[in-house]
Amino acid sequence: MRAPFKIDHPTCISFSAGRTSAYMLWRVLQANGGLPADTLVCFANSGKEAEAPLRFVRECAERWQVPVHWLE
């Protein structure tokens, strides 16, 4: 059986700023020993989010040393 969080091709991960989305990203990082090459993490900022989710995205990016591309 293939490891569900192992990435072996170019990928874009959509990070919604929710807990399950953060958990998925964390599992990807664990399974691959960090962010794989050719993998982008994107957060779609609609401009209507409260400050807490925006802070959460920044904190995850800093803590896990993952570049998160903000789409606005």
PDB file of N, CA and C in Angstrom:
ATOM      1  N   MET A   1       0.838  -1.183   0.000  1.00  0.00           N
ATOM      2  CA  MET A   1       0.000   0.000   0.000  1.00  0.00           C
ATOM      3  C   MET A   1       0.884   1.247   0.000  1.00  0.00           C
ATOM      4  N   ARG A   2       0.514   2.205  -0.781  1.00  0.00           N
ATOM      5  CA  ARG A   2       1.251   3.461  -0.892  1.00  0.00           C
ATOM      6  C   ARG A   2       1.004   4.321   0.340  1.00  0.00           C
ATOM      7  N   ALA A   3       2.056   5.001   0.822  1.00  0.00           N
ATOM      8  CA  ALA A   3       1.925   5.913   1.958  1.00  0.00           C
ATOM      9  C   ALA A   3       1.095   7.124   1.522  1.00  0.00           C
ATOM     10  N   PRO A   4       0.001   7.425   2.220  1.00  0.00           N
ATOM     11  CA  PRO A   4      -0.916   8.460   1.739  1.00  0.00           C
ATOM     12  C   PRO A   4      -0.348   9.882   1.743  1.00  0.00           C
ATOM     13  N   PHE A   5       0.680  10.151   2.518  1.00  0.00           N
ATOM     14  CA  PHE A   5       1.218  11.508   2.594  1.00  0.00           C
ATOM     15  C   PHE A   5       2.563  11.654   1.889  1.00  0.00           C
ATOM     16  N   LYS A   6       3.026  10.587   1.257  1.00  0.00           N
ATOM     17  CA  LYS A   6       4.286  10.632   0.527  1.00  0.00           C
ATOM     18  C   LYS A   6       4.044  11.311  -0.827  1.00  0.00           C
ATOM     19  N   ILE A   7       4.888  12.276  -1.154  1.00  0.00           N
ATOM     20  CA  ILE A   7       4.733  13.026  -2.405  1.00  0.00           C
ATOM     21  C   ILE A   7       5.917  12.722  -3.307  1.00  0.00           C
ATOM     22  N   ASP A   8       5.618  12.311  -4.543  1.00  0.00           N
ATOM     23  CA  ASP A   8       6.703  11.953  -5.472  1.00  0.00           C
ATOM     24  C   ASP A   8       6.556  12.626  -6.840  1.00  0.00           C
ATOM     25  N   HIS A   9       5.759  13.692  -6.890  1.00  0.00           N
ATOM     26  CA  HIS A   9       5.589  14.445  -8.141  1.00  0.00           C
ATOM     27  C   HIS A   9       5.203  15.886  -7.784  1.00  0.00           C
ATOM     28  N   PRO A  10       5.265  16.819  -8.709  1.00  0.00           N
ATOM     29  CA  PRO A  10       4.906  18.207  -8.409  1.00  0.00           C
ATOM     30  C   PRO A  10       3.491  18.287  -7.809  1.00  0.00           C
ATOM     31  N   THR A  11       3.373  19.070  -6.744  1.00  0.00           N
ATOM     32  CA  THR A  11       2.119  19.110  -5.988  1.00  0.00           C
ATOM     33  C   THR A  11       1.856  20.507  -5.456  1.00  0.00           C
ATOM     34  N   CYS A  12       0.591  20.870  -5.372  1.00  0.00           N
ATOM     35  CA  CYS A  12       0.166  22.093  -4.705  1.00  0.00           C
ATOM     36  C   CYS A  12      -0.742  21.694  -3.554  1.00  0.00           C
ATOM     37  N   ILE A  13      -0.371  22.106  -2.352  1.00  0.00           N
ATOM     38  CA  ILE A  13      -1.162  21.812  -1.164  1.00  0.00           C
ATOM     39  C   ILE A  13      -1.944  23.063  -0.799  1.00  0.00           C
ATOM     40  N   SER A  14      -3.255  22.929  -0.723  1.00  0.00           N
ATOM     41  CA  SER A  14      -4.102  24.045  -0.333  1.00  0.00           C
ATOM     42  C   SER A  14      -4.258  24.034   1.180  1.00  0.00           C
ATOM     43  N   PHE A  15      -3.773  25.091   1.822  1.00  0.00           N
ATOM     44  CA  PHE A  15      -3.829  25.217   3.278  1.00  0.00           C
ATOM     45  C   PHE A  15      -4.941  26.206   3.605  1.00  0.00           C
ATOM     46  N   SER A  16      -6.010  25.721   4.227  1.00  0.00           N
ATOM     47  CA  SER A  16      -7.192  26.554   4.460  1.00  0.00           C
ATOM     48  C   SER A  16      -7.128  27.364   5.746  1.00  0.00           C
ATOM     49  N   ALA A  17      -6.123  27.122   6.582  1.00  0.00           N
ATOM     50  CA  ALA A  17      -5.967  27.747   7.896  1.00  0.00           C
ATOM     51  C   ALA A  17      -6.803  27.047   8.956  1.00  0.00           C
ATOM     52  N   GLY A  18      -7.363  25.893   8.604  1.00  0.00           N
ATOM     53  CA  GLY A  18      -8.104  25.102   9.585  1.00  0.00           C
ATOM     54  C   GLY A  18      -7.215  24.038  10.222  1.00  0.00           C
ATOM     55  N   ARG A  19      -7.705  23.430  11.288  1.00  0.00           N
ATOM     56  CA  ARG A  19      -6.918  22.424  12.002  1.00  0.00           C
ATOM     57  C   ARG A  19      -6.657  21.180  11.170  1.00  0.00           C
ATOM     58  N   THR A  20      -7.663  20.709  10.420  1.00  0.00           N
ATOM     59  CA  THR A  20      -7.452  19.499   9.627  1.00  0.00           C
ATOM     60  C   THR A  20      -6.496  19.761   8.478  1.00  0.00           C
ATOM     61  N   SER A  21      -6.555  20.946   7.915  1.00  0.00           N
ATOM     62  CA  SER A  21      -5.637  21.322   6.852  1.00  0.00           C
ATOM     63  C   SER A  21      -4.201  21.399   7.387  1.00  0.00           C
ATOM     64  N   ALA A  22      -4.044  21.953   8.574  1.00  0.00           N
ATOM     65  CA  ALA A  22      -2.723  22.023   9.202  1.00  0.00           C
ATOM     66  C   ALA A  22      -2.212  20.622   9.525  1.00  0.00           C
ATOM     67  N   TYR A  23      -3.101  19.761   9.990  1.00  0.00           N
ATOM     68  CA  TYR A  23      -2.702  18.383  10.296  1.00  0.00           C
ATOM     69  C   TYR A  23      -2.220  17.675   9.030  1.00  0.00           C
ATOM     70  N   MET A  24      -2.928  17.859   7.921  1.00  0.00           N
ATOM     71  CA  MET A  24      -2.521  17.247   6.661  1.00  0.00           C
ATOM     72  C   MET A  24      -1.135  17.741   6.262  1.00  0.00           C
ATOM     73  N   LEU A  25      -0.897  19.043   6.361  1.00  0.00           N
ATOM     74  CA  LEU A  25       0.410  19.592   6.010  1.00  0.00           C
ATOM     75  C   LEU A  25       1.495  19.013   6.915  1.00  0.00           C
ATOM     76  N   TRP A  26       1.220  18.922   8.207  1.00  0.00           N
ATOM     77  CA  TRP A  26       2.174  18.367   9.157  1.00  0.00           C
ATOM     78  C   TRP A  26       2.512  16.918   8.820  1.00  0.00           C
ATOM     79  N   ARG A  27       1.492  16.138   8.433  1.00  0.00           N
ATOM     80  CA  ARG A  27       1.724  14.730   8.048  1.00  0.00           C
ATOM     81  C   ARG A  27       2.548  14.641   6.768  1.00  0.00           C
ATOM     82  N   VAL A  28       2.317  15.540   5.828  1.00  0.00           N
ATOM     83  CA  VAL A  28       3.129  15.584   4.605  1.00  0.00           C
ATOM     84  C   VAL A  28       4.582  15.862   4.971  1.00  0.00           C
ATOM     85  N   LEU A  29       4.812  16.823   5.848  1.00  0.00           N
ATOM     86  CA  LEU A  29       6.176  17.152   6.268  1.00  0.00           C
ATOM     87  C   LEU A  29       6.844  15.963   6.941  1.00  0.00           C
ATOM     88  N   GLN A  30       6.124  15.256   7.796  1.00  0.00           N
ATOM     89  CA  GLN A  30       6.668  14.077   8.467  1.00  0.00           C
ATOM     90  C   GLN A  30       7.008  12.979   7.473  1.00  0.00           C
ATOM     91  N   ALA A  31       6.099  12.701   6.569  1.00  0.00           N
ATOM     92  CA  ALA A  31       6.266  11.587   5.631  1.00  0.00           C
ATOM     93  C   ALA A  31       7.396  11.817   4.640  1.00  0.00           C
ATOM     94  N   ASN A  32       7.740  13.084   4.401  1.00  0.00           N
ATOM     95  CA  ASN A  32       8.723  13.407   3.373  1.00  0.00           C
ATOM     96  C   ASN A  32      10.010  13.996   3.933  1.00  0.00           C
ATOM     97  N   GLY A  33      10.133  14.078   5.237  1.00  0.00           N
ATOM     98  CA  GLY A  33      11.316  14.682   5.838  1.00  0.00           C
ATOM     99  C   GLY A  33      11.421  16.167   5.535  1.00  0.00           C
ATOM    100  N   GLY A  34      10.289  16.844   5.503  1.00  0.00           N
ATOM    101  CA  GLY A  34      10.223  18.264   5.153  1.00  0.00           C
ATOM    102  C   GLY A  34       9.366  18.444   3.919  1.00  0.00           C
ATOM    103  N   LEU A  35       9.347  19.643   3.407  1.00  0.00           N
ATOM    104  CA  LEU A  35       8.554  19.923   2.216  1.00  0.00           C
ATOM    105  C   LEU A  35       9.301  19.410   0.987  1.00  0.00           C
ATOM    106  N   PRO A  36       8.690  18.519   0.220  1.00  0.00           N
ATOM    107  CA  PRO A  36       9.356  17.990  -0.961  1.00  0.00           C
ATOM    108  C   PRO A  36       9.618  19.071  -2.010  1.00  0.00           C
ATOM    109  N   ALA A  37      10.651  18.842  -2.805  1.00  0.00           N
ATOM    110  CA  ALA A  37      10.915  19.736  -3.938  1.00  0.00           C
ATOM    111  C   ALA A  37       9.693  19.715  -4.859  1.00  0.00           C
ATOM    112  N   ASP A  38       9.485  20.785  -5.570  1.00  0.00           N
ATOM    113  CA  ASP A  38       8.344  20.898  -6.490  1.00  0.00           C
ATOM    114  C   ASP A  38       6.995  20.821  -5.794  1.00  0.00           C
ATOM    115  N   THR A  39       6.946  21.239  -4.514  1.00  0.00           N
ATOM    116  CA  THR A  39       5.689  21.270  -3.782  1.00  0.00           C
ATOM    117  C   THR A  39       5.446  22.685  -3.286  1.00  0.00           C
ATOM    118  N   LEU A  40       4.271  23.202  -3.584  1.00  0.00           N
ATOM    119  CA  LEU A  40       3.873  24.534  -3.126  1.00  0.00           C
ATOM    120  C   LEU A  40       2.770  24.398  -2.091  1.00  0.00           C
ATOM    121  N   VAL A  41       2.834  25.227  -1.066  1.00  0.00           N
ATOM    122  CA  VAL A  41       1.756  25.321  -0.085  1.00  0.00           C
ATOM    123  C   VAL A  41       1.105  26.682  -0.305  1.00  0.00           C
ATOM    124  N   CYS A  42      -0.196  26.678  -0.558  1.00  0.00           N
ATOM    125  CA  CYS A  42      -0.920  27.911  -0.867  1.00  0.00           C
ATOM    126  C   CYS A  42      -2.047  28.148   0.127  1.00  0.00           C
ATOM    127  N   PHE A  43      -2.215  29.415   0.486  1.00  0.00           N
ATOM    128  CA  PHE A  43      -3.327  29.845   1.320  1.00  0.00           C
ATOM    129  C   PHE A  43      -4.090  30.912   0.547  1.00  0.00           C
ATOM    130  N   ALA A  44      -5.375  30.681   0.323  1.00  0.00           N
ATOM    131  CA  ALA A  44      -6.208  31.639  -0.405  1.00  0.00           C
ATOM    132  C   ALA A  44      -6.839  32.608   0.591  1.00  0.00           C
ATOM    133  N   ASN A  45      -6.316  33.823   0.624  1.00  0.00           N
ATOM    134  CA  ASN A  45      -6.809  34.859   1.529  1.00  0.00           C
ATOM    135  C   ASN A  45      -7.900  35.650   0.813  1.00  0.00           C
ATOM    136  N   SER A  46      -9.129  35.465   1.266  1.00  0.00           N
ATOM    137  CA  SER A  46     -10.248  36.164   0.632  1.00  0.00           C
ATOM    138  C   SER A  46     -10.351  37.617   1.099  1.00  0.00           C
ATOM    139  N   GLY A  47      -9.617  37.947   2.148  1.00  0.00           N
ATOM    140  CA  GLY A  47      -9.716  39.285   2.709  1.00  0.00           C
ATOM    141  C   GLY A  47     -10.832  39.416   3.731  1.00  0.00           C
ATOM    142  N   LYS A  48     -11.568  38.330   3.957  1.00  0.00           N
ATOM    143  CA  LYS A  48     -12.681  38.367   4.900  1.00  0.00           C
ATOM    144  C   LYS A  48     -12.417  37.511   6.137  1.00  0.00           C
ATOM    145  N   GLU A  49     -11.218  36.930   6.228  1.00  0.00           N
ATOM    146  CA  GLU A  49     -10.887  36.105   7.383  1.00  0.00           C
ATOM    147  C   GLU A  49     -10.657  36.987   8.609  1.00  0.00           C
ATOM    148  N   ALA A  50     -10.937  36.428   9.756  1.00  0.00           N
ATOM    149  CA  ALA A  50     -10.613  37.095  11.013  1.00  0.00           C
ATOM    150  C   ALA A  50      -9.095  37.034  11.192  1.00  0.00           C
ATOM    151  N   GLU A  51      -8.569  37.775  12.141  1.00  0.00           N
ATOM    152  CA  GLU A  51      -7.121  37.821  12.366  1.00  0.00           C
ATOM    153  C   GLU A  51      -6.567  36.486  12.857  1.00  0.00           C
ATOM    154  N   ALA A  52      -7.338  35.734  13.641  1.00  0.00           N
ATOM    155  CA  ALA A  52      -6.839  34.467  14.212  1.00  0.00           C
ATOM    156  C   ALA A  52      -6.401  33.457  13.150  1.00  0.00           C
ATOM    157  N   PRO A  53      -7.190  33.192  12.114  1.00  0.00           N
ATOM    158  CA  PRO A  53      -6.730  32.248  11.087  1.00  0.00           C
ATOM    159  C   PRO A  53      -5.484  32.740  10.345  1.00  0.00           C
ATOM    160  N   LEU A  54      -5.402  34.033  10.112  1.00  0.00           N
ATOM    161  CA  LEU A  54      -4.224  34.583   9.431  1.00  0.00           C
ATOM    162  C   LEU A  54      -2.982  34.397  10.296  1.00  0.00           C
ATOM    163  N   ARG A  55      -3.125  34.616  11.575  1.00  0.00           N
ATOM    164  CA  ARG A  55      -2.025  34.416  12.517  1.00  0.00           C
ATOM    165  C   ARG A  55      -1.623  32.940  12.560  1.00  0.00           C
ATOM    166  N   PHE A  56      -2.624  32.046  12.515  1.00  0.00           N
ATOM    167  CA  PHE A  56      -2.367  30.605  12.530  1.00  0.00           C
ATOM    168  C   PHE A  56      -1.542  30.186  11.312  1.00  0.00           C
ATOM    169  N   VAL A  57      -1.872  30.710  10.139  1.00  0.00           N
ATOM    170  CA  VAL A  57      -1.109  30.392   8.926  1.00  0.00           C
ATOM    171  C   VAL A  57       0.341  30.843   9.095  1.00  0.00           C
ATOM    172  N   ARG A  58       0.529  32.068   9.577  1.00  0.00           N
ATOM    173  CA  ARG A  58       1.892  32.584   9.786  1.00  0.00           C
ATOM    174  C   ARG A  58       2.669  31.737  10.791  1.00  0.00           C
ATOM    175  N   GLU A  59       2.008  31.356  11.880  1.00  0.00           N
ATOM    176  CA  GLU A  59       2.669  30.560  12.917  1.00  0.00           C
ATOM    177  C   GLU A  59       3.067  29.177  12.409  1.00  0.00           C
ATOM    178  N   CYS A  60       2.199  28.540  11.649  1.00  0.00           N
ATOM    179  CA  CYS A  60       2.534  27.228  11.071  1.00  0.00           C
ATOM    180  C   CYS A  60       3.727  27.358  10.136  1.00  0.00           C
ATOM    181  N   ALA A  61       3.720  28.385   9.294  1.00  0.00           N
ATOM    182  CA  ALA A  61       4.819  28.596   8.345  1.00  0.00           C
ATOM    183  C   ALA A  61       6.141  28.790   9.089  1.00  0.00           C
ATOM    184  N   GLU A  62       6.119  29.580  10.136  1.00  0.00           N
ATOM    185  CA  GLU A  62       7.337  29.826  10.921  1.00  0.00           C
ATOM    186  C   GLU A  62       7.783  28.587  11.682  1.00  0.00           C
ATOM    187  N   ARG A  63       6.879  27.983  12.395  1.00  0.00           N
ATOM    188  CA  ARG A  63       7.213  26.847  13.252  1.00  0.00           C
ATOM    189  C   ARG A  63       7.733  25.663  12.442  1.00  0.00           C
ATOM    190  N   TRP A  64       7.123  25.424  11.282  1.00  0.00           N
ATOM    191  CA  TRP A  64       7.505  24.269  10.463  1.00  0.00           C
ATOM    192  C   TRP A  64       8.486  24.640   9.360  1.00  0.00           C
ATOM    193  N   GLN A  65       8.843  25.907   9.294  1.00  0.00           N
ATOM    194  CA  GLN A  65       9.774  26.410   8.278  1.00  0.00           C
ATOM    195  C   GLN A  65       9.334  26.015   6.867  1.00  0.00           C
ATOM    196  N   VAL A  66       8.088  26.369   6.581  1.00  0.00           N
ATOM    197  CA  VAL A  66       7.468  26.063   5.291  1.00  0.00           C
ATOM    198  C   VAL A  66       7.033  27.369   4.647  1.00  0.00           C
ATOM    199  N   PRO A  67       7.472  27.631   3.427  1.00  0.00           N
ATOM    200  CA  PRO A  67       6.969  28.834   2.741  1.00  0.00           C
ATOM    201  C   PRO A  67       5.513  28.636   2.315  1.00  0.00           C
ATOM    202  N   VAL A  68       4.657  29.515   2.777  1.00  0.00           N
ATOM    203  CA  VAL A  68       3.253  29.472   2.394  1.00  0.00           C
ATOM    204  C   VAL A  68       3.000  30.635   1.443  1.00  0.00           C
ATOM    205  N   HIS A  69       2.510  30.328   0.262  1.00  0.00           N
ATOM    206  CA  HIS A  69       2.223  31.344  -0.749  1.00  0.00           C
ATOM    207  C   HIS A  69       0.788  31.840  -0.527  1.00  0.00           C
ATOM    208  N   TRP A  70       0.684  33.123  -0.239  1.00  0.00           N
ATOM    209  CA  TRP A  70      -0.642  33.718   0.001  1.00  0.00           C
ATOM    210  C   TRP A  70      -1.210  34.184  -1.336  1.00  0.00           C
ATOM    211  N   LEU A  71      -2.378  33.663  -1.670  1.00  0.00           N
ATOM    212  CA  LEU A  71      -3.098  34.076  -2.874  1.00  0.00           C
ATOM    213  C   LEU A  71      -4.181  35.052  -2.433  1.00  0.00           C
ATOM    214  N   GLU A  72      -4.188  36.215  -3.052  1.00  0.00           N
ATOM    215  CA  GLU A  72      -5.155  37.234  -2.627  1.00  0.00           C
ATOM    216  C   GLU A  72      -6.010  37.685  -3.790  1.00  0.00           C
TER     217      GLU A  72
END
